[in-house]
Structure formats: structure tokens, C-alpha cells
């Protein structure tokens, strides 16, 4: 039997288009209803009574099929969605292959995850049949990514290059927002979309940049410290941007929007205050207890940390903030204790698995046909992003008293769009803050900018040498003297 139903709830996420009910004949219904039928021994081996109930299948407007469990079943039956299991196997295996290939080619594994998702997704070979379930499952990757990010949060690291990292990083975000707002106004787009795109473009890749700095032993150099400090500030700003997204995605007037923003800031301040109190009153004792109970195995500690992260994310979501902000705050609460590194070591494998799932699910939304048809716009966007980001970051860093050479290296190092931009983009898409074509363009630009990062790092020495010959940059000896003086001054400020 086929029933057509349409639901128009404003808060509903699933719109049921069709309900398929498979009815099977029922025998002895009258006897069972009257209680006259006695228990028969063969009933133990018969499955007629169990299978006689209806089995309902829901189909939404995107042709996603949901098999509903039978509420009228007399006996508890374990329900298994084999299609979801199959889809998860395909995603994990393809992500692993993509990561291996990408790593062998000297590219970030993030690129491999994205390409793997694009190949198996609807825009590629269409191996995934239950997109909604896979994407929902992959959202845990966002939660654990930001939880681990909060665990790595350190005020001490920020103090070393405090002014340029905090105020310079803030100035960079404001400049990008301003530039994108002007562009949005000239193109007739919404101002809120311009604000989001500006915040989106200002993010750089912590994982990729730090990896290259460590490989080249530049993490302790002056430009390395400025770069890492700026990245830390950007990572911290991600949590606040998540709180800002619902305000940007609203369609209310200016006054109503300001009132909503005020309420949001009030709730946010109360939530952060409660988290701050718990971070010194409850969290250290709780972690110490978990360490004692997990002396033989880390299983209980891992489970407790995952539960703590999810509980904080759930509370944040219920308060009208976001899951991402709550998970980030949970990590920051633990980062103030002596167990931060131990917790990160325990959670990191879980984070890596779900992060691969999340990035692969993002890749599934990449339609290669669309990107190929707009490859000229995509390449122009990547070149424009790298050029503008390098210029803006170089100017901002130079304004804080650093040499043009150091400022330029910092600018090139931060010229890509970071992996957390995918998280912001996913959230903005759910809030209908960006359109479909803009979503795909930003997605492709981000992926391609990450691909170009290894090339940019390889070009830095050649460009610096050319700059010295052309007298654009000071010599290496004078730069080293500047670095020593700046490091000593920064260290004195941190005391």
C-alpha cells in the first residue's frame, strides 16, 4: 500500500514524500483478540506471528529510504541497517585509500579525503545510498575536531607573540569581512553572506602549516612563532564564529537581529561563566578520579572524555548556541588541567577516524562536473585568495613592527584556507547562509588552496633569495638579529 504525505513543519528536517506499507495476512487475529487461542508449542518455531505486522518504509524528497522499526512487534528484535553499514565501509575504505595516495604524492591527507568523497558521492560513482545517515554520523567528526582543538588551546603560547597574534589576527578577520562585504554589496548579494565569506577566507590551516613548519625546523623561528600564534587565535575564533552564524543566518530585521544577538551574547556569557567555574572546581577532580579508575586500562577514561565532550556539546546546542562551540569549550575546560595532553592522546584516534568521515562526507558534496565546467572561475578564485591573503597578512604583520621579510613569510604561510573552514561552511549551509553554487565554489577553492600549500612552501626560499637580490628584503644576518631581539622582547612580555 502506498500513501503520499507531505509535512510542512518549519522546524522539520525530514520531509516525508511517500510511506510504503507492506501488509501481510494475519491469521487467528480474532482468536488472539478474544484470548481464546491457547499457546501452541509450534509457535516457538513459527515466525508467522512475528512477520505478520506491517513494515513501513519512508522515502523523503531526495529519495533517501528509511526502514522504520515495527512498534507492534511482540518480541524485541535487533534492527540492523545493512545499507548504512555498507556505506560506512565504502566511505572509510575510500578515505583510507585517498589519504594514502595523497600522502604519497606529498599532499595533505585532507585533500585525499575530499577527493575520495567526491568520487564515491552523488557527483561521482554514486556508491553511497544513504547520504543523510552518513552525513549525520560524520557530524561527530566536527564535534571531536573542535574538542581536540580546545584541548590544544594554550594562553602561554599566545602570550609569546601576543599583540600580532591576537590583535593582528582580529584585524585580519575584520579586513577580510570588510572586503567581502563591499564585494557582496557590489554584486547585489546579502551582506550577511559577505560577512560569512570574509570570516571563511580568513581561516588558515593549522594542521597543514604546522606540519610544514616542523618539517623545516622553522617552528621556533620568529616567523614560525608569529604564524603559529596567529593560527591559535584563528582556531579560538572558530568557536565564536559558530555562535555568530545563527545570527547571520536569520532573516529578521535589524532591530530584531540586534535583540537576538544580545540574547545570544547573554546566553554565551552565562555558558562560558559556568564552564569557567566547572573548569577549576569540578573538572580536575573528575579527571583525577577517572585516572585512578583507569589505572589498568584507558577504556573508561576514553569513554568518560567522549561523554564529557558530547554532554557539553548537547548543553550548548540546547541553549541555542551550537554543538561545535560546546565541544570546543569542553576541550578548553580540560586544557587548563594537567591532564590535557593525556586526554588528547586518548581522544586523538577517535578524532582522526571521525574527521576522515566528516571530510569525506564534505567531499561527497563536491560535484566534479560542476567544478570542471567552472574550472576557470575556480582557478581565478584560488589565485585571488592566495594573492589577497598574502598581501593583507603581510601588511598587518609589518604594521606590528616586524621586517618585510618575516611578514612576507608569514603571509605566504597563511595564504591557504584552513580545514576548519569546511566546518564553518557545513554549518552555514545548514542555516541556508550560502547558496548552492557559492557553496561548491568555496568548497573547491578551499580544497585547491590546500593542494597548493606544499608548492607555496617550496617557493618561499626562492622568492626570498630573489627579494634579497632585488633589495626587497633585508639580508639573512640582519633578519636573524631582529629575530633574536624580538624573541627576547616577547619572552619578557610573557613573564
Protein backbone atom coordinates (compact mmCIF):
# COMPACT_ATOMS: atom_id res chain seq x y z
CA UNK A 1 0.00 0.00 0.00
CA UNK A 2 1.34 3.43 -0.96
CA UNK A 3 0.41 6.54 0.96
CA UNK A 4 1.53 10.03 -0.05
CA UNK A 5 2.08 12.53 2.74
CA UNK A 6 3.59 15.98 2.86
CA UNK A 7 4.67 17.68 6.05
CA UNK A 8 5.23 21.40 6.27
CA UNK A 9 6.67 21.88 9.73
CA UNK A 10 9.04 24.83 9.90
CA UNK A 11 11.45 23.00 12.20
CA UNK A 12 11.28 19.63 10.48
CA UNK A 13 14.41 18.30 8.87
CA UNK A 14 12.82 15.29 7.17
CA UNK A 15 10.07 15.79 4.63
CA UNK A 16 8.30 12.51 4.01
CA UNK A 17 7.07 12.18 0.46
CA UNK A 18 5.95 8.57 0.47
CA UNK A 19 5.17 5.88 3.03
CA UNK A 20 5.29 2.32 1.78
CA UNK A 21 3.47 -0.19 3.98
CA UNK A 22 3.91 -3.87 3.25
CA UNK A 23 0.95 -5.67 4.78
CA UNK A 24 0.95 -9.40 5.32
CA UNK A 25 -2.00 -11.62 6.07
CA UNK A 26 -2.72 -12.29 9.69
CA UNK A 27 -4.24 -15.49 10.89
CA UNK A 28 -6.10 -16.17 14.11
CA UNK A 29 -6.36 -12.41 14.82
CA UNK A 30 -9.89 -12.89 16.15
CA UNK A 31 -8.85 -15.70 18.42
CA UNK A 32 -5.92 -13.74 19.80
CA UNK A 33 -8.05 -10.67 20.34
CA UNK A 34 -10.61 -12.68 22.29
CA UNK A 35 -7.92 -14.51 24.19
CA UNK A 36 -9.36 -17.90 23.17
CA UNK A 37 -6.33 -19.19 21.31
CA UNK A 38 -4.05 -21.24 23.51
CA UNK A 39 -0.29 -21.29 23.29
CA UNK A 40 0.97 -23.87 20.80
CA UNK A 41 4.38 -25.49 21.01
CA UNK A 42 4.99 -24.96 17.29
CA UNK A 43 4.60 -21.23 17.85
CA UNK A 44 8.12 -21.25 19.26
CA UNK A 45 9.47 -22.20 15.84
CA UNK A 46 6.95 -20.28 13.77
CA UNK A 47 7.77 -16.77 12.54
CA UNK A 48 4.30 -16.03 11.21
CA UNK A 49 3.21 -14.01 14.21
CA UNK A 50 6.43 -12.02 14.19
CA UNK A 51 6.40 -11.27 10.48
CA UNK A 52 2.72 -10.57 10.28
CA UNK A 53 2.99 -6.95 11.34
CA UNK A 54 3.39 -4.14 8.90
CA UNK A 55 6.80 -2.96 7.78
CA UNK A 56 6.92 0.75 6.94
CA UNK A 57 9.41 2.43 4.66
CA UNK A 58 9.75 6.21 4.42
CA UNK A 59 11.04 7.94 1.31
CA UNK A 60 11.94 11.63 1.51
CA UNK A 61 12.05 14.15 -1.32
CA UNK A 62 15.71 13.34 -2.02
CA UNK A 63 14.92 9.64 -2.48
CA UNK A 64 16.54 8.66 0.81
CA UNK A 65 14.90 5.46 2.07
CA UNK A 66 14.31 4.88 5.79
CA UNK A 67 13.17 1.48 7.07
CA UNK A 68 11.11 2.00 10.21
CA UNK A 69 11.22 -0.47 13.07
CA UNK A 70 7.98 -2.27 13.83
CA UNK A 71 6.49 -0.83 17.01
CA UNK A 72 3.78 -3.50 17.12
CA UNK A 73 6.20 -6.41 17.26
CA UNK A 74 5.53 -8.74 20.18
CA UNK A 75 9.17 -9.62 20.69
CA UNK A 76 12.20 -7.30 20.76
CA UNK A 77 14.10 -7.63 17.51
CA UNK A 78 17.53 -6.15 16.84
CA UNK A 79 17.21 -3.81 13.87
CA UNK A 80 20.26 -3.57 11.59
CA UNK A 81 20.58 -1.16 8.69
CA UNK A 82 22.92 -3.08 6.42
CA UNK A 83 22.91 -0.34 3.81
CA UNK A 84 24.27 2.16 6.33
CA UNK A 85 26.98 -0.30 7.35
CA UNK A 86 27.86 -0.83 3.70
CA UNK A 87 28.01 2.92 3.10
CA UNK A 88 30.27 3.48 6.10
CA UNK A 89 32.60 0.73 4.92
CA UNK A 90 32.80 2.36 1.49
CA UNK A 91 33.49 5.79 2.99
CA UNK A 92 36.17 4.60 5.42
CA UNK A 93 37.97 2.41 2.86
CA UNK A 94 37.89 5.10 0.18
CA UNK A 95 39.09 7.74 2.66
CA UNK A 96 41.99 5.49 3.67
CA UNK A 97 42.96 4.92 0.03
CA UNK A 98 42.63 8.62 -0.75
CA UNK A 99 44.73 9.57 2.26
CA UNK A 100 47.46 7.08 1.34
CA UNK A 101 47.61 8.26 -2.27
CA UNK A 102 47.60 11.91 -1.23
CA UNK A 103 50.37 11.35 1.31
CA UNK A 104 52.50 9.50 -1.26
CA UNK A 105 52.13 12.48 -3.61
CA UNK A 106 53.29 14.87 -0.88
CA UNK A 107 49.84 16.40 -0.41
CA UNK A 108 47.88 16.84 2.84
CA UNK A 109 45.71 13.83 3.66
CA UNK A 110 42.76 16.21 3.86
CA UNK A 111 42.89 16.53 0.08
CA UNK A 112 42.76 12.75 -0.26
CA UNK A 113 39.69 12.54 1.96
CA UNK A 114 37.90 15.20 -0.07
CA UNK A 115 38.74 13.60 -3.41
CA UNK A 116 37.70 10.17 -2.14
CA UNK A 117 34.35 11.56 -1.05
CA UNK A 118 33.81 13.31 -4.38
CA UNK A 119 34.49 10.07 -6.26
CA UNK A 120 32.07 7.89 -4.29
CA UNK A 121 29.41 10.57 -3.78
CA UNK A 122 26.40 11.58 -5.87
CA UNK A 123 28.58 13.68 -8.16
CA UNK A 124 30.83 10.70 -8.89
CA UNK A 125 30.26 6.95 -8.91
CA UNK A 126 27.18 7.17 -6.63
CA UNK A 127 28.29 4.39 -4.29
CA UNK A 128 26.51 5.92 -1.29
CA UNK A 129 22.80 5.19 -0.99
CA UNK A 130 22.03 6.71 2.43
CA UNK A 131 23.55 10.17 2.29
CA UNK A 132 21.53 11.59 5.18
CA UNK A 133 22.57 8.89 7.63
CA UNK A 134 26.23 9.03 6.61
CA UNK A 135 26.36 12.82 6.88
CA UNK A 136 24.66 12.70 10.28
CA UNK A 137 27.13 10.10 11.50
CA UNK A 138 30.02 12.16 10.14
CA UNK A 139 28.95 15.20 12.18
CA UNK A 140 30.65 13.57 15.14
CA UNK A 141 33.85 14.42 13.30
CA UNK A 142 33.11 18.13 13.73
CA UNK A 143 32.48 17.66 17.44
CA UNK A 144 35.70 15.75 18.09
CA UNK A 145 37.76 18.05 15.85
CA UNK A 146 36.79 21.06 17.92
CA UNK A 147 37.13 19.13 21.17
CA UNK A 148 40.74 18.29 20.28
CA UNK A 149 41.27 21.88 19.20
CA UNK A 150 40.14 23.07 22.62
CA UNK A 151 42.49 20.59 24.30
CA UNK A 152 45.42 22.16 22.43
CA UNK A 153 44.42 25.68 23.45
CA UNK A 154 47.19 27.48 25.33
CA UNK A 155 47.28 31.04 26.61
CA UNK A 156 51.02 30.70 27.20
CA UNK A 157 51.70 30.21 23.50
CA UNK A 158 49.56 33.21 22.67
CA UNK A 159 51.45 35.44 25.12
CA UNK A 160 54.76 34.90 23.32
CA UNK A 161 53.54 36.69 20.20
CA UNK A 162 50.51 38.22 21.85
CA UNK A 163 49.91 41.54 20.04
CA UNK A 164 50.44 40.34 16.48
CA UNK A 165 48.63 37.05 17.10
CA UNK A 166 45.57 38.41 18.90
CA UNK A 167 45.14 41.94 17.60
CA UNK A 168 46.74 41.18 14.24
CA UNK A 169 44.61 38.07 13.81
CA UNK A 170 41.49 40.00 14.76
CA UNK A 171 42.42 42.77 12.33
CA UNK A 172 42.88 40.23 9.53
CA UNK A 173 39.40 38.80 10.09
CA UNK A 174 37.86 42.28 10.15
CA UNK A 175 39.66 43.29 6.95
CA UNK A 176 38.50 40.18 5.10
CA UNK A 177 34.94 40.70 6.32
CA UNK A 178 35.06 44.33 5.17
CA UNK A 179 36.43 43.44 1.73
CA UNK A 180 33.88 40.68 1.21
CA UNK A 181 31.02 42.91 2.39
CA UNK A 182 31.98 45.52 -0.19
CA UNK A 183 32.16 42.81 -2.86
CA UNK A 184 28.76 41.44 -1.79
CA UNK A 185 27.18 44.90 -2.00
CA UNK A 186 28.64 45.49 -5.47
CA UNK A 187 27.37 42.09 -6.64
CA UNK A 188 23.93 42.53 -5.10
CA UNK A 189 24.36 39.70 -2.59
CA UNK A 190 23.28 39.67 1.05
CA UNK A 191 25.52 41.50 3.48
CA UNK A 192 25.40 38.55 5.88
CA UNK A 193 26.77 36.30 3.15
CA UNK A 194 29.66 38.72 2.66
CA UNK A 195 30.42 38.69 6.39
CA UNK A 196 30.48 34.90 6.40
CA UNK A 197 32.66 34.61 3.30
CA UNK A 198 35.11 37.08 4.85
CA UNK A 199 35.33 35.05 8.05
CA UNK A 200 35.59 31.89 5.96
CA UNK A 201 38.50 33.18 3.87
CA UNK A 202 40.39 34.49 6.91
CA UNK A 203 40.84 30.97 8.30
CA UNK A 204 44.14 29.15 7.62
CA UNK A 205 45.10 25.51 8.04
CA UNK A 206 46.68 24.82 11.42
CA UNK A 207 47.37 21.14 10.70
CA UNK A 208 48.98 21.67 7.30
CA UNK A 209 51.02 24.78 8.17
CA UNK A 210 52.35 23.45 11.48
CA UNK A 211 53.32 20.21 9.75
CA UNK A 212 55.45 22.05 7.20
CA UNK A 213 56.98 24.36 9.82
CA UNK A 214 58.04 21.38 11.94
CA UNK A 215 59.44 19.50 8.94
CA UNK A 216 61.60 22.52 8.04
CA UNK A 217 62.62 23.21 11.67
CA UNK A 218 61.05 26.67 11.46
CA UNK A 219 58.58 26.36 14.32
CA UNK A 220 60.94 28.18 16.72
CA UNK A 221 61.93 30.87 14.22
CA UNK A 222 60.33 34.28 14.55
CA UNK A 223 58.10 33.86 11.51
CA UNK A 224 57.18 30.38 12.77
CA UNK A 225 56.11 31.70 16.16
CA UNK A 226 54.08 34.51 14.61
CA UNK A 227 52.44 32.05 12.23
CA UNK A 228 51.59 29.53 14.95
CA UNK A 229 50.33 32.27 17.27
CA UNK A 230 48.03 33.60 14.56
CA UNK A 231 46.78 30.10 13.83
CA UNK A 232 45.99 29.54 17.50
CA UNK A 233 43.99 32.75 17.60
CA UNK A 234 42.11 31.76 14.44
CA UNK A 235 41.30 28.39 15.98
CA UNK A 236 39.93 30.15 19.05
CA UNK A 237 37.91 32.49 16.84
CA UNK A 238 36.23 29.49 15.20
CA UNK A 239 34.25 28.83 18.38
CA UNK A 240 32.99 32.42 18.48
CA UNK A 241 32.15 32.38 14.78
CA UNK A 242 29.91 29.38 15.36
CA UNK A 243 27.98 31.45 17.88
CA UNK A 244 27.68 34.23 15.27
CA UNK A 245 26.40 32.04 12.42
CA UNK A 246 22.78 31.69 13.64
CA UNK A 247 22.57 35.48 13.83
CA UNK A 248 23.93 35.84 10.29
CA UNK A 249 21.58 33.15 9.01
CA UNK A 250 18.46 34.80 10.43
CA UNK A 251 16.02 36.61 8.17
CA UNK A 252 14.70 39.05 10.79
CA UNK A 253 15.04 42.82 10.71
CA UNK A 254 17.94 44.83 12.07
CA UNK A 255 16.30 45.59 15.43
CA UNK A 256 15.14 42.03 15.93
CA UNK A 257 18.55 40.83 14.86
CA UNK A 258 20.27 43.05 17.41
CA UNK A 259 17.93 41.79 20.14
CA UNK A 260 18.62 38.20 19.14
CA UNK A 261 22.35 38.90 19.13
CA UNK A 262 22.10 40.44 22.60
CA UNK A 263 20.27 37.39 23.91
CA UNK A 264 22.84 35.16 22.27
CA UNK A 265 25.72 37.04 23.88
CA UNK A 266 23.98 36.87 27.27
CA UNK A 267 23.47 33.12 26.99
CA UNK A 268 27.03 32.73 25.72
CA UNK A 269 28.47 34.69 28.64
CA UNK A 270 26.45 32.63 31.14
CA UNK A 271 27.54 29.41 29.48
CA UNK A 272 31.21 30.44 29.47
CA UNK A 273 30.97 31.57 33.09
CA UNK A 274 29.54 28.21 34.14
CA UNK A 275 32.25 26.44 32.14
CA UNK A 276 34.93 28.56 33.79
CA UNK A 277 33.65 27.68 37.26
CA UNK A 278 33.49 23.99 36.42
CA UNK A 279 36.98 24.05 34.91
CA UNK A 280 38.58 24.73 38.31
CA UNK A 281 36.01 23.27 40.71
CA UNK A 282 34.81 20.03 39.11
CA UNK A 283 36.87 19.08 36.06
CA UNK A 284 40.26 18.49 37.78
CA UNK A 285 38.69 16.26 40.43
CA UNK A 286 36.69 14.39 37.83
CA UNK A 287 39.74 13.77 35.66
CA UNK A 288 41.80 12.66 38.63
CA UNK A 289 39.08 10.18 39.59
CA UNK A 290 38.94 8.83 36.04
CA UNK A 291 42.72 8.40 36.03
CA UNK A 292 42.52 6.40 39.25
CA UNK A 293 39.69 4.22 37.97
CA UNK A 294 41.51 3.68 34.67
CA UNK A 295 44.80 2.52 36.15
CA UNK A 296 44.56 -0.86 34.42
CA UNK A 297 43.01 0.22 31.13
CA UNK A 298 42.21 3.51 29.42
CA UNK A 299 38.83 2.30 28.22
CA UNK A 300 36.85 4.01 30.97
CA UNK A 301 38.85 7.24 30.64
CA UNK A 302 38.26 7.40 26.89
CA UNK A 303 34.56 6.79 27.33
CA UNK A 304 34.31 9.41 30.06
CA UNK A 305 36.07 12.03 27.91
CA UNK A 306 33.83 11.32 24.94
CA UNK A 307 30.78 11.55 27.19
CA UNK A 308 32.04 14.82 28.70
CA UNK A 309 32.56 16.29 25.23
CA UNK A 310 29.15 15.20 23.95
CA UNK A 311 27.38 16.40 27.10
CA UNK A 312 28.94 19.85 26.80
CA UNK A 313 28.06 19.98 23.10
CA UNK A 314 24.48 18.89 23.84
CA UNK A 315 24.06 21.54 26.55
CA UNK A 316 25.41 24.22 24.23
CA UNK A 317 23.01 23.17 21.49
CA UNK A 318 20.05 23.19 23.88
CA UNK A 319 20.96 26.72 24.94
CA UNK A 320 20.69 27.85 21.33
CA UNK A 321 24.43 28.06 20.69
CA UNK A 322 25.94 25.17 18.72
CA UNK A 323 27.33 21.68 19.11
CA UNK A 324 30.67 22.88 17.81
CA UNK A 325 31.03 25.66 20.39
CA UNK A 326 30.12 23.29 23.21
CA UNK A 327 32.69 20.71 22.19
CA UNK A 328 35.37 23.40 21.86
CA UNK A 329 34.57 24.74 25.34
CA UNK A 330 34.77 21.19 26.72
CA UNK A 331 38.29 20.90 25.35
CA UNK A 332 39.30 24.29 26.76
CA UNK A 333 37.99 23.28 30.20
CA UNK A 334 40.29 20.25 30.20
CA UNK A 335 43.21 22.21 28.71
CA UNK A 336 43.50 24.18 31.96
CA UNK A 337 44.36 21.00 33.87
CA UNK A 338 47.44 18.78 33.97
CA UNK A 339 45.61 16.04 32.07
CA UNK A 340 45.19 17.89 28.77
CA UNK A 341 47.93 16.05 26.88
CA UNK A 342 46.86 12.67 28.23
CA UNK A 343 43.27 13.36 27.20
CA UNK A 344 44.39 14.44 23.74
CA UNK A 345 46.40 11.24 23.33
CA UNK A 346 43.34 9.18 24.23
CA UNK A 347 40.87 11.08 22.05
CA UNK A 348 43.12 11.61 19.03
CA UNK A 349 42.41 8.23 17.35
CA UNK A 350 38.67 8.80 17.71
CA UNK A 351 39.06 12.31 16.32
CA UNK A 352 41.08 11.13 13.33
CA UNK A 353 38.51 8.49 12.39
CA UNK A 354 35.51 10.78 12.59
CA UNK A 355 37.43 13.66 10.98
CA UNK A 356 38.12 11.44 7.98
CA UNK A 357 34.42 10.58 7.84
CA UNK A 358 33.45 14.23 8.05
CA UNK A 359 35.86 15.41 5.36
CA UNK A 360 34.82 12.54 3.10
CA UNK A 361 31.17 13.47 3.58
CA UNK A 362 32.07 17.04 2.64
CA UNK A 363 33.79 15.67 -0.44
CA UNK A 364 30.58 13.85 -1.40
CA UNK A 365 29.00 17.25 -1.92
CA UNK A 366 31.63 18.19 -4.49
CA UNK A 367 30.23 17.74 -7.97
CA UNK A 368 33.20 17.28 -10.24
CA UNK A 369 31.06 18.11 -13.26
CA UNK A 370 30.19 21.50 -11.78
CA UNK A 371 33.81 22.24 -10.87
CA UNK A 372 35.05 21.16 -14.29
CA UNK A 373 32.54 23.42 -16.01
CA UNK A 374 33.70 26.31 -13.83
CA UNK A 375 37.40 25.49 -13.67
CA UNK A 376 38.35 28.95 -14.94
CA UNK A 377 36.43 30.64 -12.13
CA UNK A 378 37.86 28.17 -9.62
CA UNK A 379 41.47 28.78 -10.64
CA UNK A 380 40.93 32.53 -10.66
CA UNK A 381 39.40 32.32 -7.18
CA UNK A 382 42.36 30.36 -5.81
CA UNK A 383 44.89 32.78 -7.29
CA UNK A 384 42.88 35.73 -5.97
CA UNK A 385 42.58 34.22 -2.48
CA UNK A 386 46.30 33.43 -2.23
CA UNK A 387 47.29 36.87 -3.51
CA UNK A 388 44.90 38.83 -1.31
CA UNK A 389 45.61 36.78 1.82
CA UNK A 390 49.38 37.07 1.36
CA UNK A 391 49.11 40.82 0.83
CA UNK A 392 46.76 41.50 3.75
CA UNK A 393 48.62 39.31 6.25
CA UNK A 394 51.99 40.74 5.18
CA UNK A 395 50.76 44.31 5.66
CA UNK A 396 49.16 43.54 9.04
CA UNK A 397 52.26 41.75 10.33
CA UNK A 398 54.52 44.56 9.08
CA UNK A 399 52.32 47.07 10.92
CA UNK A 400 53.30 45.40 14.21
CA UNK A 401 56.97 46.20 13.67
CA UNK A 402 58.25 43.04 12.00
CA UNK A 403 60.55 43.13 8.98
CA UNK A 404 59.14 42.84 5.49
CA UNK A 405 60.94 39.51 5.10
CA UNK A 406 59.36 37.97 8.20
CA UNK A 407 55.98 39.48 7.35
CA UNK A 408 56.08 38.08 3.83
CA UNK A 409 56.93 34.56 5.02
CA UNK A 410 54.04 34.71 7.50
CA UNK A 411 51.73 35.93 4.74
CA UNK A 412 52.65 33.12 2.34
CA UNK A 413 52.43 30.52 5.12
CA UNK A 414 48.85 31.56 5.93
CA UNK A 415 47.71 32.06 2.32
CA UNK A 416 45.56 28.91 2.16
CA UNK A 417 42.06 28.32 3.55
CA UNK A 418 42.03 26.02 6.57
CA UNK A 419 40.32 22.73 7.28
CA UNK A 420 38.02 24.30 9.88
CA UNK A 421 36.57 26.39 7.09
CA UNK A 422 34.86 23.17 5.99
CA UNK A 423 33.17 23.01 9.38
CA UNK A 424 32.04 26.63 9.10
CA UNK A 425 30.84 26.04 5.56
CA UNK A 426 28.86 22.96 6.56
CA UNK A 427 27.17 24.86 9.37
CA UNK A 428 26.45 27.86 7.13
CA UNK A 429 24.91 25.59 4.52
CA UNK A 430 22.57 24.10 7.12
CA UNK A 431 21.50 27.63 8.05
CA UNK A 432 20.98 28.49 4.34
CA UNK A 433 23.52 31.28 4.69
CA UNK A 434 25.18 30.46 1.36
CA UNK A 435 23.66 29.31 -1.89
CA UNK A 436 24.39 26.07 -3.69
CA UNK A 437 26.79 27.46 -6.30
CA UNK A 438 28.63 29.60 -3.75
CA UNK A 439 28.91 26.54 -1.52
CA UNK A 440 30.51 24.47 -4.28
CA UNK A 441 32.81 27.32 -5.30
CA UNK A 442 34.06 27.86 -1.73
CA UNK A 443 34.44 24.12 -1.31
CA UNK A 444 36.53 23.76 -4.45
CA UNK A 445 38.59 26.87 -3.70
CA UNK A 446 39.42 25.62 -0.22
CA UNK A 447 40.44 22.17 -1.44
CA UNK A 448 42.61 23.58 -4.22
CA UNK A 449 44.24 26.12 -1.90
CA UNK A 450 45.26 23.26 0.40
CA UNK A 451 46.72 21.43 -2.59
CA UNK A 452 48.86 24.44 -3.48
CA UNK A 453 50.24 24.83 0.07
CA UNK A 454 53.22 22.44 -0.39
CA UNK A 455 54.16 24.30 -3.58
CA UNK A 456 53.99 27.66 -1.80
CA UNK A 457 56.30 26.46 0.97
CA UNK A 458 58.78 25.19 -1.61
CA UNK A 459 58.72 28.55 -3.41
CA UNK A 460 59.39 30.61 -0.26
CA UNK A 461 63.23 30.20 -0.27
CA UNK A 462 63.45 31.05 -3.97
CA UNK A 463 61.27 34.14 -3.59
CA UNK A 464 63.25 35.27 -0.52
CA UNK A 465 66.56 34.90 -2.36
CA UNK A 466 65.17 36.85 -5.29
CA UNK A 467 63.90 39.51 -2.90
CA UNK A 468 67.34 39.85 -1.29
CA UNK A 469 68.99 40.23 -4.70
CA UNK A 470 66.43 42.85 -5.70
CA UNK A 471 66.83 44.56 -2.29
CA UNK A 472 63.18 43.97 -1.44
CA UNK A 473 64.09 42.05 1.71
CA UNK A 474 66.93 42.54 4.22
CA UNK A 475 69.78 40.05 4.32
CA UNK A 476 69.60 36.90 6.43
CA UNK A 477 72.09 38.16 9.03
CA UNK A 478 70.11 41.29 9.82
CA UNK A 479 66.92 39.23 9.97
CA UNK A 480 68.49 36.83 12.48
CA UNK A 481 69.50 39.75 14.72
CA UNK A 482 65.95 41.05 14.52
CA UNK A 483 64.58 37.63 15.41
CA UNK A 484 66.80 37.33 18.48
CA UNK A 485 65.79 40.76 19.74
CA UNK A 486 62.10 40.11 19.07
CA UNK A 487 62.15 36.71 20.79
CA UNK A 488 63.81 38.19 23.89
CA UNK A 489 61.29 41.02 23.96
CA UNK A 490 58.37 38.62 23.51
CA UNK A 491 59.69 36.38 26.27
CA UNK A 492 59.96 39.34 28.63
CA UNK A 493 56.36 40.30 27.83
CA UNK A 494 55.16 36.81 28.64
CA UNK A 495 56.70 36.85 32.12
